[in-house]
Protein backbone atom coordinates (compact mmCIF):
# COMPACT_ATOMS: atom_id res chain seq x y z
CA UNK A 1 -70.58 32.61 -7.19
CA UNK A 2 -74.15 31.83 -8.26
CA UNK A 3 -75.63 33.18 -11.47
CA UNK A 4 -77.55 36.49 -10.96
CA UNK A 5 -80.90 34.94 -11.86
CA UNK A 6 -80.38 32.14 -9.37
CA UNK A 7 -80.03 34.34 -6.32
CA UNK A 8 -83.79 34.94 -6.27
CA UNK A 9 -84.55 31.19 -5.99
CA UNK A 10 -85.64 29.66 -2.72
CA UNK A 11 -82.87 27.07 -3.02
CA UNK A 12 -79.34 28.36 -3.24
CA UNK A 13 -77.67 26.63 -6.18
CA UNK A 14 -73.96 26.16 -6.64
CA UNK A 15 -72.16 28.35 -9.15
CA UNK A 16 -70.69 26.35 -12.03
CA UNK A 17 -67.13 27.08 -13.06
CA UNK A 18 -66.04 24.65 -15.76
CA UNK A 19 -62.23 24.85 -16.14
CA UNK A 20 -60.93 25.72 -19.57
CA UNK A 21 -58.85 23.13 -21.39
CA UNK A 22 -55.65 24.77 -22.61
CA UNK A 23 -52.93 23.40 -24.86
CA UNK A 24 -49.55 23.93 -23.25
CA UNK A 25 -46.02 22.80 -24.09
CA UNK A 26 -45.29 19.50 -22.37
CA UNK A 27 -42.08 20.55 -20.62
CA UNK A 28 -41.31 17.00 -19.45
CA UNK A 29 -41.31 15.75 -23.04
CA UNK A 30 -39.32 18.70 -24.36
CA UNK A 31 -36.73 18.58 -21.57
CA UNK A 32 -36.44 14.82 -21.88
CA UNK A 33 -35.65 15.06 -25.59
CA UNK A 34 -33.27 17.99 -25.13
CA UNK A 35 -31.34 16.33 -22.31
CA UNK A 36 -31.12 12.99 -24.12
CA UNK A 37 -29.77 14.58 -27.28
CA UNK A 38 -27.52 16.72 -25.13
CA UNK A 39 -25.97 13.63 -23.55
CA UNK A 40 -25.34 12.09 -26.97
CA UNK A 41 -23.85 15.28 -28.38
CA UNK A 42 -21.76 15.72 -25.24
CA UNK A 43 -20.38 12.20 -25.52
CA UNK A 44 -19.41 12.89 -29.13
CA UNK A 45 -17.93 16.34 -28.40
CA UNK A 46 -15.73 15.18 -25.51
CA UNK A 47 -14.37 12.24 -27.46
CA UNK A 48 -10.91 13.04 -28.87
CA UNK A 49 -11.69 11.05 -32.04
CA UNK A 50 -11.83 12.92 -35.35
CA UNK A 51 -14.84 10.88 -36.50
CA UNK A 52 -17.54 12.80 -38.35
CA UNK A 53 -21.00 11.90 -37.01
CA UNK A 54 -22.91 13.87 -39.61
CA UNK A 55 -23.65 12.34 -42.98
CA UNK A 56 -26.41 13.71 -45.19
CA UNK A 57 -27.15 10.56 -47.29
CA UNK A 58 -27.38 8.42 -44.15
CA UNK A 59 -29.67 10.95 -42.49
CA UNK A 60 -31.94 11.14 -45.54
CA UNK A 61 -32.21 7.36 -45.80
CA UNK A 62 -33.27 7.01 -42.18
CA UNK A 63 -35.49 10.07 -41.88
CA UNK A 64 -37.40 10.03 -45.16
CA UNK A 65 -37.23 6.25 -45.46
CA UNK A 66 -38.92 5.91 -42.06
CA UNK A 67 -41.62 8.42 -42.97
CA UNK A 68 -42.43 6.91 -46.36
CA UNK A 69 -42.31 3.28 -45.19
CA UNK A 70 -44.57 4.11 -42.23
CA UNK A 71 -47.06 5.94 -44.46
CA UNK A 72 -47.46 2.80 -46.58
CA UNK A 73 -49.11 1.07 -43.60
CA UNK A 74 -51.92 3.66 -43.31
CA UNK A 75 -54.44 5.46 -45.46
CA UNK A 76 -54.20 9.14 -46.30
CA UNK A 77 -57.24 9.92 -44.15
CA UNK A 78 -55.73 8.13 -41.14
CA UNK A 79 -52.50 10.07 -41.55
CA UNK A 80 -54.36 13.37 -41.93
CA UNK A 81 -56.37 12.80 -38.74
CA UNK A 82 -53.26 11.82 -36.81
CA UNK A 83 -51.05 14.81 -37.65
CA UNK A 84 -52.70 17.15 -35.14
CA UNK A 85 -52.84 14.47 -32.47
CA UNK A 86 -49.16 13.61 -32.90
CA UNK A 87 -48.38 17.30 -32.43
CA UNK A 88 -50.24 17.10 -29.09
CA UNK A 89 -47.47 14.85 -27.74
CA UNK A 90 -45.45 18.05 -27.35
CA UNK A 91 -48.29 20.59 -27.02
CA UNK A 92 -50.99 18.71 -25.13
CA UNK A 93 -54.34 19.75 -23.66
CA UNK A 94 -54.04 20.19 -19.90
CA UNK A 95 -57.11 19.52 -17.76
CA UNK A 96 -57.77 20.32 -14.13
CA UNK A 97 -59.55 17.07 -13.28
CA UNK A 98 -60.56 18.00 -9.69
CA UNK A 99 -62.11 21.28 -10.90
CA UNK A 100 -63.79 19.50 -13.82
CA UNK A 101 -65.20 16.86 -11.45
CA UNK A 102 -66.56 19.55 -9.12
CA UNK A 103 -68.25 21.42 -11.98
CA UNK A 104 -69.94 18.23 -13.16
CA UNK A 105 -71.29 17.49 -9.68
CA UNK A 106 -72.46 21.12 -9.51
CA UNK A 107 -74.44 20.51 -12.69
CA UNK A 108 -75.79 17.28 -11.22
CA UNK A 109 -77.03 19.14 -8.14
CA UNK A 110 -78.68 21.78 -10.31
CA UNK A 111 -80.36 19.17 -12.52
CA UNK A 112 -81.68 17.33 -9.44
CA UNK A 113 -82.91 20.56 -7.78
CA UNK A 114 -84.27 22.64 -10.66
CA UNK A 115 -84.78 20.16 -13.48
CA UNK A 116 -82.97 19.36 -16.71
CA UNK A 117 -84.20 22.35 -18.69
CA UNK A 118 -82.60 24.70 -16.17
CA UNK A 119 -79.19 23.49 -17.37
CA UNK A 120 -79.56 25.66 -20.48
CA UNK A 121 -78.68 28.65 -18.27
CA UNK A 122 -75.12 27.32 -17.97
CA UNK A 123 -74.27 26.99 -21.64
CA UNK A 124 -71.67 29.77 -21.41
CA UNK A 125 -69.79 27.78 -18.79
CA UNK A 126 -70.05 24.37 -20.46
CA UNK A 127 -68.68 25.77 -23.73
CA UNK A 128 -65.25 25.69 -22.11
CA UNK A 129 -65.41 21.88 -22.41
CA UNK A 130 -66.85 21.12 -25.89
CA UNK A 131 -67.83 17.50 -25.20
CA UNK A 132 -69.58 18.50 -21.97
CA UNK A 133 -71.40 21.29 -23.80
CA UNK A 134 -72.56 18.85 -26.48
CA UNK A 135 -73.78 16.40 -23.85
CA UNK A 136 -75.67 19.12 -21.97
CA UNK A 137 -77.45 20.18 -25.15
CA UNK A 138 -78.55 16.58 -25.73
CA UNK A 139 -79.90 16.47 -22.18
CA UNK A 140 -81.82 19.73 -22.58
CA UNK A 141 -83.16 18.57 -25.96
CA UNK A 142 -84.85 15.64 -24.23
CA UNK A 143 -82.83 12.63 -25.33
CA UNK A 144 -83.43 9.46 -23.32
CA UNK A 145 -80.79 7.63 -21.30
CA UNK A 146 -80.23 4.86 -23.84
CA UNK A 147 -80.06 7.15 -26.87
CA UNK A 148 -77.75 9.58 -25.12
CA UNK A 149 -75.45 6.81 -23.93
CA UNK A 150 -75.25 5.34 -27.43
CA UNK A 151 -74.48 8.71 -29.06
CA UNK A 152 -71.83 9.78 -26.56
CA UNK A 153 -70.21 6.36 -26.27
CA UNK A 154 -69.80 6.20 -30.04
CA UNK A 155 -68.03 9.55 -29.98
CA UNK A 156 -65.80 8.47 -27.10
CA UNK A 157 -64.87 5.24 -28.89
CA UNK A 158 -64.19 7.09 -32.15
CA UNK A 159 -62.01 9.68 -30.41
CA UNK A 160 -60.09 6.97 -28.59
CA UNK A 161 -59.59 5.07 -31.83
CA UNK A 162 -58.12 8.14 -33.55
CA UNK A 163 -55.74 8.79 -30.64
CA UNK A 164 -54.66 5.16 -30.44
CA UNK A 165 -54.08 5.08 -34.20
CA UNK A 166 -51.85 8.14 -33.97
CA UNK A 167 -49.84 6.36 -31.27
CA UNK A 168 -49.68 3.25 -33.46
CA UNK A 169 -48.22 5.34 -36.31
CA UNK A 170 -45.37 6.41 -34.06
CA UNK A 171 -44.98 2.83 -32.80
CA UNK A 172 -44.73 1.65 -36.38
CA UNK A 173 -42.20 4.38 -37.13
CA UNK A 174 -40.11 3.32 -34.12
CA UNK A 175 -39.95 -0.18 -35.63
CA UNK A 176 -39.16 1.02 -39.14
CA UNK A 177 -36.41 3.50 -38.19
CA UNK A 178 -33.83 0.91 -36.98
CA UNK A 179 -34.64 -1.23 -40.04
CA UNK A 180 -33.98 1.71 -42.35
CA UNK A 181 -30.72 2.25 -40.48
CA UNK A 182 -29.79 -1.35 -41.20
CA UNK A 183 -30.66 -0.91 -44.88
CA UNK A 184 -28.42 2.14 -45.06
CA UNK A 185 -25.65 0.16 -43.36
CA UNK A 186 -25.97 -2.62 -45.95
CA UNK A 187 -25.73 -0.05 -48.74
CA UNK A 188 -22.54 1.31 -47.18
CA UNK A 189 -21.08 -2.17 -46.78
CA UNK A 190 -21.77 -3.00 -50.41
CA UNK A 191 -19.97 0.19 -51.46
CA UNK A 192 -17.09 -0.68 -49.18
CA UNK A 193 -16.75 -4.24 -50.52
CA UNK A 194 -16.86 -2.95 -54.08
CA UNK A 195 -13.75 -0.86 -53.37
CA UNK A 196 -11.64 -3.31 -51.34
CA UNK A 197 -8.62 -2.80 -53.60
CA UNK A 198 -8.27 0.63 -51.99
CA UNK A 199 -7.60 -0.03 -48.26
CA UNK A 200 -7.67 3.67 -47.39
CA UNK A 201 -11.41 3.87 -48.11
CA UNK A 202 -12.44 0.90 -45.96
CA UNK A 203 -12.42 2.85 -42.69
CA UNK A 204 -14.41 5.87 -43.92
CA UNK A 205 -16.92 3.66 -45.76
CA UNK A 206 -17.43 1.54 -42.64
CA UNK A 207 -17.96 4.64 -40.51
CA UNK A 208 -20.58 6.02 -42.89
CA UNK A 209 -22.30 2.64 -43.04
CA UNK A 210 -22.60 2.48 -39.25
CA UNK A 211 -23.94 6.03 -39.06
CA UNK A 212 -27.26 4.98 -40.59
CA UNK A 213 -27.73 2.37 -37.87
CA UNK A 214 -26.85 5.08 -35.34
CA UNK A 215 -29.43 7.48 -36.78
CA UNK A 216 -32.08 4.77 -36.95
CA UNK A 217 -31.57 3.80 -33.32
CA UNK A 218 -31.86 7.42 -32.19
CA UNK A 219 -35.01 8.15 -34.23
CA UNK A 220 -36.80 4.97 -33.20
CA UNK A 221 -35.71 4.56 -29.57
CA UNK A 222 -35.30 8.14 -28.37
CA UNK A 223 -37.93 10.02 -30.39
CA UNK A 224 -40.75 7.90 -31.76
CA UNK A 225 -41.24 5.23 -29.09
CA UNK A 226 -41.40 7.71 -26.16
CA UNK A 227 -43.75 10.02 -28.07
CA UNK A 228 -46.03 7.06 -28.82
CA UNK A 229 -46.19 6.27 -25.09
CA UNK A 230 -47.02 9.93 -24.37
CA UNK A 231 -49.85 9.88 -26.93
CA UNK A 232 -51.32 6.79 -25.29
CA UNK A 233 -51.26 8.58 -21.94
CA UNK A 234 -52.95 11.64 -23.48
CA UNK A 235 -55.59 9.36 -25.03
CA UNK A 236 -56.32 7.84 -21.62
CA UNK A 237 -56.82 11.34 -20.15
CA UNK A 238 -59.24 12.23 -22.95
CA UNK A 239 -61.24 9.06 -22.35
CA UNK A 240 -61.42 9.77 -18.61
CA UNK A 241 -62.72 13.32 -19.17
CA UNK A 242 -65.35 12.21 -21.67
CA UNK A 243 -66.42 9.20 -19.60
CA UNK A 244 -66.92 11.55 -16.63
CA UNK A 245 -69.25 13.58 -18.84
CA UNK A 246 -71.15 10.47 -19.93
CA UNK A 247 -71.62 9.27 -16.34
CA UNK A 248 -72.75 12.76 -15.31
CA UNK A 249 -75.50 13.08 -17.89
CA UNK A 250 -76.64 9.51 -17.24
CA UNK A 251 -76.98 10.36 -13.56
CA UNK A 252 -78.95 13.50 -14.42
CA UNK A 253 -81.40 11.66 -16.63
CA UNK A 254 -81.91 8.95 -14.03
CA UNK A 255 -82.45 11.61 -11.35
CA UNK A 256 -79.87 9.94 -9.13
CA UNK A 257 -78.60 11.42 -5.89
CA UNK A 258 -75.56 13.65 -6.66
CA UNK A 259 -73.73 11.85 -3.83
CA UNK A 260 -73.78 8.76 -6.01
CA UNK A 261 -72.41 10.82 -8.92
CA UNK A 262 -69.52 11.93 -6.70
CA UNK A 263 -68.58 8.31 -6.01
CA UNK A 264 -68.86 7.38 -9.69
CA UNK A 265 -66.67 10.27 -10.85
CA UNK A 266 -64.05 9.60 -8.15
CA UNK A 267 -63.89 5.98 -9.25
CA UNK A 268 -62.78 7.18 -12.71
CA UNK A 269 -60.06 9.49 -11.40
CA UNK A 270 -56.62 8.60 -10.04
CA UNK A 271 -56.37 8.95 -6.23
CA UNK A 272 -54.47 12.25 -6.46
CA UNK A 273 -57.31 13.91 -8.43
CA UNK A 274 -60.30 12.70 -6.39
CA UNK A 275 -62.44 15.27 -4.60
CA UNK A 276 -64.66 15.49 -1.54
CA UNK A 277 -67.78 17.40 -2.59
CA UNK A 278 -70.30 16.43 0.08
CA UNK A 279 -69.03 16.62 3.66
């Protein structure tokens, strides 16, 4: 529905309804982890063996060894910036791309019909998408096409870099975890070889030694590597949303036909999210 002040205009303008970006639990990720661990636990539980698959020293070596060894590869500031983003692999921002695309074309139509300054009337709506709101304020403040593109592109590149770095931290952790498992196994083997005169301890020592490799494989292969892939996918979605904003404000400043903006935005979206605005 159009804004109240717009209904008195000679030209009927579209109402702008920017969808809110909400952080929701990623059920696919959560269910995937739960089911995978469930299969492993089930395989252990239904095995008639009396083997004990829980060993605190082995778990500490793999878990804390992976964390500390991974942290060595990055600065404190990089790690601090990445903590929140890594958490988004489980609780990620969910966007309605078709609705977001429609709202951006709505703004393009308004800018073409009423002028750029008129966009200030829609600040309440654009606040739902912070990057879009920031871009709209730059447009209303009179920034040129080149300056605006440079400012927004720098922010997009910086945001993408932070997201990719967070994914690289998990990738690095997925490489370190099996190695820490191997280190724990070597420690167990050394302890076993040092006590060869007692044959009764060989079996238990060997079992404990192998547990660290087991823990390392689980942490690296089942947890860290899949979460890194999910972060990369989330980063791609963020870049798409922000690039749509950049293309929209460029089109506004160039006073392009909104039909062209529709084609540009659809070219950025996957086929399932594309819209038909002009019939």
